[in-house]
Amino acid sequence: MHETYITHDRYTFSCPDCGNRWSVTYEARHSQDPDGAELCMWSRGGLPSMSPDAGMPCEVCGSVRVTATRELQPSG
């Protein structure tokens, strides 16, 4: 039996074309397949979602050149 754990990861998205920036919090359910490879299933607002790195278009201009950066949690 493989351990499953959930993290809440916040990503900042930046559009180089129009300068728009926004943040989204994802729930990531981490597990392993039967061969031991890591699996991660993403959701937003309780609904299944693509990975934040999958290529989200800009909310303002529609550009697909948006970059996603995971915000690091402060240690302490």
N, C-alpha and C. Protein backbone atom coordinates (compact mmCIF):
# COMPACT_ATOMS: atom_id res chain seq x y z
N MET A 1 0.86 -1.18 0.00
CA MET A 1 0.00 0.00 0.00
C MET A 1 0.90 1.24 0.00
N HIS A 2 0.60 2.18 -0.87
CA HIS A 2 1.40 3.38 -0.99
C HIS A 2 0.74 4.53 -0.23
N GLU A 3 1.56 5.35 0.38
CA GLU A 3 1.07 6.51 1.11
C GLU A 3 0.60 7.58 0.13
N THR A 4 -0.52 8.20 0.45
CA THR A 4 -1.03 9.33 -0.32
C THR A 4 -1.05 10.54 0.60
N TYR A 5 -0.59 11.67 0.09
CA TYR A 5 -0.64 12.89 0.89
C TYR A 5 -1.04 14.05 -0.01
N ILE A 6 -1.59 15.08 0.60
CA ILE A 6 -2.11 16.24 -0.12
C ILE A 6 -1.34 17.48 0.28
N THR A 7 -0.98 18.29 -0.71
CA THR A 7 -0.36 19.58 -0.46
C THR A 7 -1.21 20.66 -1.12
N HIS A 8 -1.11 21.87 -0.61
CA HIS A 8 -1.76 23.03 -1.22
C HIS A 8 -0.64 23.94 -1.72
N ASP A 9 -0.54 24.03 -3.03
CA ASP A 9 0.56 24.74 -3.67
C ASP A 9 0.05 25.98 -4.39
N ARG A 10 0.69 27.10 -4.12
CA ARG A 10 0.31 28.36 -4.75
C ARG A 10 1.29 28.67 -5.87
N TYR A 11 0.76 29.00 -7.04
CA TYR A 11 1.56 29.34 -8.21
C TYR A 11 1.26 30.76 -8.65
N THR A 12 2.30 31.47 -9.06
CA THR A 12 2.15 32.79 -9.66
C THR A 12 2.36 32.63 -11.16
N PHE A 13 1.45 33.19 -11.93
CA PHE A 13 1.52 33.16 -13.39
C PHE A 13 1.88 34.55 -13.88
N SER A 14 2.77 34.61 -14.88
CA SER A 14 3.22 35.89 -15.44
C SER A 14 3.14 35.83 -16.95
N CYS A 15 2.56 36.88 -17.54
CA CYS A 15 2.46 36.98 -19.00
C CYS A 15 3.50 37.98 -19.49
N PRO A 16 4.46 37.54 -20.33
CA PRO A 16 5.47 38.46 -20.83
C PRO A 16 4.93 39.40 -21.91
N ASP A 17 3.76 39.08 -22.47
CA ASP A 17 3.21 39.90 -23.55
C ASP A 17 2.49 41.14 -23.04
N CYS A 18 1.66 40.99 -21.98
CA CYS A 18 0.90 42.14 -21.49
C CYS A 18 1.28 42.56 -20.07
N GLY A 19 2.13 41.75 -19.38
CA GLY A 19 2.56 42.10 -18.03
C GLY A 19 1.62 41.65 -16.93
N ASN A 20 0.52 40.98 -17.27
CA ASN A 20 -0.42 40.52 -16.26
C ASN A 20 0.22 39.47 -15.36
N ARG A 21 -0.10 39.53 -14.05
CA ARG A 21 0.37 38.55 -13.07
C ARG A 21 -0.83 38.16 -12.20
N TRP A 22 -0.94 36.88 -11.89
CA TRP A 22 -1.99 36.43 -10.99
C TRP A 22 -1.53 35.15 -10.30
N SER A 23 -2.20 34.82 -9.19
CA SER A 23 -1.84 33.63 -8.41
C SER A 23 -3.04 32.71 -8.26
N VAL A 24 -2.76 31.42 -8.19
CA VAL A 24 -3.79 30.39 -8.05
C VAL A 24 -3.28 29.35 -7.06
N THR A 25 -4.16 28.88 -6.16
CA THR A 25 -3.81 27.81 -5.25
C THR A 25 -4.38 26.50 -5.79
N TYR A 26 -3.53 25.48 -5.86
CA TYR A 26 -3.91 24.15 -6.33
C TYR A 26 -3.82 23.17 -5.18
N GLU A 27 -4.66 22.15 -5.22
CA GLU A 27 -4.52 21.01 -4.33
C GLU A 27 -3.83 19.91 -5.13
N ALA A 28 -2.74 19.40 -4.60
CA ALA A 28 -1.99 18.33 -5.27
C ALA A 28 -2.07 17.07 -4.43
N ARG A 29 -2.60 16.00 -5.01
CA ARG A 29 -2.68 14.71 -4.32
C ARG A 29 -1.54 13.84 -4.84
N HIS A 30 -0.58 13.57 -3.96
CA HIS A 30 0.62 12.82 -4.32
C HIS A 30 0.45 11.36 -3.93
N SER A 31 0.84 10.47 -4.84
CA SER A 31 0.75 9.04 -4.61
C SER A 31 1.79 8.34 -5.46
N GLN A 32 1.71 7.02 -5.54
CA GLN A 32 2.62 6.24 -6.38
C GLN A 32 1.81 5.22 -7.17
N ASP A 33 2.30 4.92 -8.39
CA ASP A 33 1.67 3.86 -9.16
C ASP A 33 2.19 2.51 -8.66
N PRO A 34 1.66 1.39 -9.16
CA PRO A 34 2.09 0.08 -8.66
C PRO A 34 3.59 -0.20 -8.82
N ASP A 35 4.24 0.50 -9.75
CA ASP A 35 5.69 0.32 -9.95
C ASP A 35 6.52 1.26 -9.09
N GLY A 36 5.88 2.12 -8.31
CA GLY A 36 6.59 3.03 -7.42
C GLY A 36 6.88 4.40 -7.99
N ALA A 37 6.44 4.67 -9.23
CA ALA A 37 6.64 5.99 -9.83
C ALA A 37 5.67 6.99 -9.20
N GLU A 38 6.15 8.22 -8.98
CA GLU A 38 5.31 9.24 -8.35
C GLU A 38 4.19 9.69 -9.29
N LEU A 39 3.00 9.83 -8.73
CA LEU A 39 1.84 10.36 -9.44
C LEU A 39 1.39 11.62 -8.71
N CYS A 40 0.88 12.57 -9.45
CA CYS A 40 0.33 13.78 -8.85
C CYS A 40 -0.94 14.15 -9.60
N MET A 41 -2.05 14.25 -8.86
CA MET A 41 -3.32 14.67 -9.45
C MET A 41 -3.65 16.05 -8.90
N TRP A 42 -3.97 16.97 -9.80
CA TRP A 42 -4.18 18.37 -9.45
C TRP A 42 -5.66 18.71 -9.45
N SER A 43 -6.05 19.64 -8.55
CA SER A 43 -7.42 20.17 -8.57
C SER A 43 -7.40 21.62 -8.13
N ARG A 44 -8.45 22.33 -8.57
CA ARG A 44 -8.67 23.74 -8.20
C ARG A 44 -10.13 23.88 -7.81
N GLY A 45 -10.37 24.39 -6.62
CA GLY A 45 -11.75 24.57 -6.18
C GLY A 45 -12.53 23.27 -6.13
N GLY A 46 -11.84 22.16 -5.86
CA GLY A 46 -12.50 20.86 -5.76
C GLY A 46 -12.73 20.16 -7.09
N LEU A 47 -12.33 20.78 -8.20
CA LEU A 47 -12.52 20.19 -9.53
C LEU A 47 -11.18 19.78 -10.12
N PRO A 48 -11.15 18.66 -10.87
CA PRO A 48 -9.90 18.24 -11.50
C PRO A 48 -9.33 19.35 -12.37
N SER A 49 -8.01 19.42 -12.40
CA SER A 49 -7.33 20.49 -13.13
C SER A 49 -6.07 19.94 -13.80
N MET A 50 -5.64 20.62 -14.85
CA MET A 50 -4.34 20.33 -15.44
C MET A 50 -3.27 20.80 -14.46
N SER A 51 -2.08 20.27 -14.61
CA SER A 51 -0.93 20.72 -13.84
C SER A 51 -0.70 22.21 -14.11
N PRO A 52 -0.26 22.98 -13.11
CA PRO A 52 0.02 24.40 -13.34
C PRO A 52 1.09 24.63 -14.41
N ASP A 53 1.93 23.64 -14.65
CA ASP A 53 2.98 23.76 -15.66
C ASP A 53 2.50 23.36 -17.06
N ALA A 54 1.22 23.02 -17.20
CA ALA A 54 0.71 22.50 -18.47
C ALA A 54 0.46 23.58 -19.51
N GLY A 55 0.53 24.83 -19.14
CA GLY A 55 0.36 25.90 -20.12
C GLY A 55 -0.98 26.61 -20.03
N MET A 56 -1.15 27.42 -19.00
CA MET A 56 -2.38 28.20 -18.83
C MET A 56 -2.28 29.48 -19.66
N PRO A 57 -3.32 29.82 -20.44
CA PRO A 57 -3.27 31.08 -21.19
C PRO A 57 -3.50 32.28 -20.29
N CYS A 58 -3.03 33.44 -20.72
CA CYS A 58 -3.21 34.68 -19.97
C CYS A 58 -4.69 35.02 -19.89
N GLU A 59 -5.14 35.42 -18.70
CA GLU A 59 -6.54 35.82 -18.48
C GLU A 59 -6.90 37.10 -19.21
N VAL A 60 -5.90 37.94 -19.51
CA VAL A 60 -6.15 39.25 -20.11
C VAL A 60 -6.02 39.23 -21.63
N CYS A 61 -4.85 38.77 -22.13
CA CYS A 61 -4.60 38.87 -23.57
C CYS A 61 -4.68 37.54 -24.31
N GLY A 62 -4.77 36.42 -23.57
CA GLY A 62 -4.88 35.12 -24.20
C GLY A 62 -3.56 34.50 -24.65
N SER A 63 -2.45 35.17 -24.37
CA SER A 63 -1.14 34.65 -24.76
C SER A 63 -0.91 33.28 -24.13
N VAL A 64 -0.23 32.40 -24.86
CA VAL A 64 0.10 31.08 -24.32
C VAL A 64 1.56 31.02 -23.87
N ARG A 65 2.22 32.16 -23.80
CA ARG A 65 3.63 32.22 -23.35
C ARG A 65 3.74 32.47 -21.85
N VAL A 66 2.69 32.21 -21.11
CA VAL A 66 2.65 32.45 -19.66
C VAL A 66 3.61 31.50 -18.94
N THR A 67 4.30 32.01 -17.92
CA THR A 67 5.17 31.18 -17.09
C THR A 67 4.52 30.98 -15.72
N ALA A 68 4.73 29.80 -15.16
CA ALA A 68 4.20 29.46 -13.84
C ALA A 68 5.37 29.27 -12.89
N THR A 69 5.28 29.91 -11.71
CA THR A 69 6.32 29.78 -10.70
C THR A 69 5.67 29.40 -9.38
N ARG A 70 6.14 28.30 -8.79
CA ARG A 70 5.59 27.88 -7.50
C ARG A 70 6.11 28.80 -6.41
N GLU A 71 5.19 29.30 -5.59
CA GLU A 71 5.58 30.15 -4.46
C GLU A 71 6.07 29.24 -3.34
N LEU A 72 7.23 29.55 -2.81
CA LEU A 72 7.79 28.76 -1.72
C LEU A 72 7.15 29.14 -0.41
N GLN A 73 6.89 28.13 0.41
CA GLN A 73 6.31 28.37 1.73
C GLN A 73 7.42 28.82 2.67
N PRO A 74 7.16 29.83 3.50
CA PRO A 74 8.20 30.25 4.45
C PRO A 74 8.51 29.14 5.44
N SER A 75 9.78 28.97 5.75
CA SER A 75 10.15 27.94 6.73
C SER A 75 9.99 28.52 8.13
N GLY A 76 9.80 27.63 9.07
CA GLY A 76 9.70 28.12 10.43
C GLY A 76 8.80 27.40 11.26
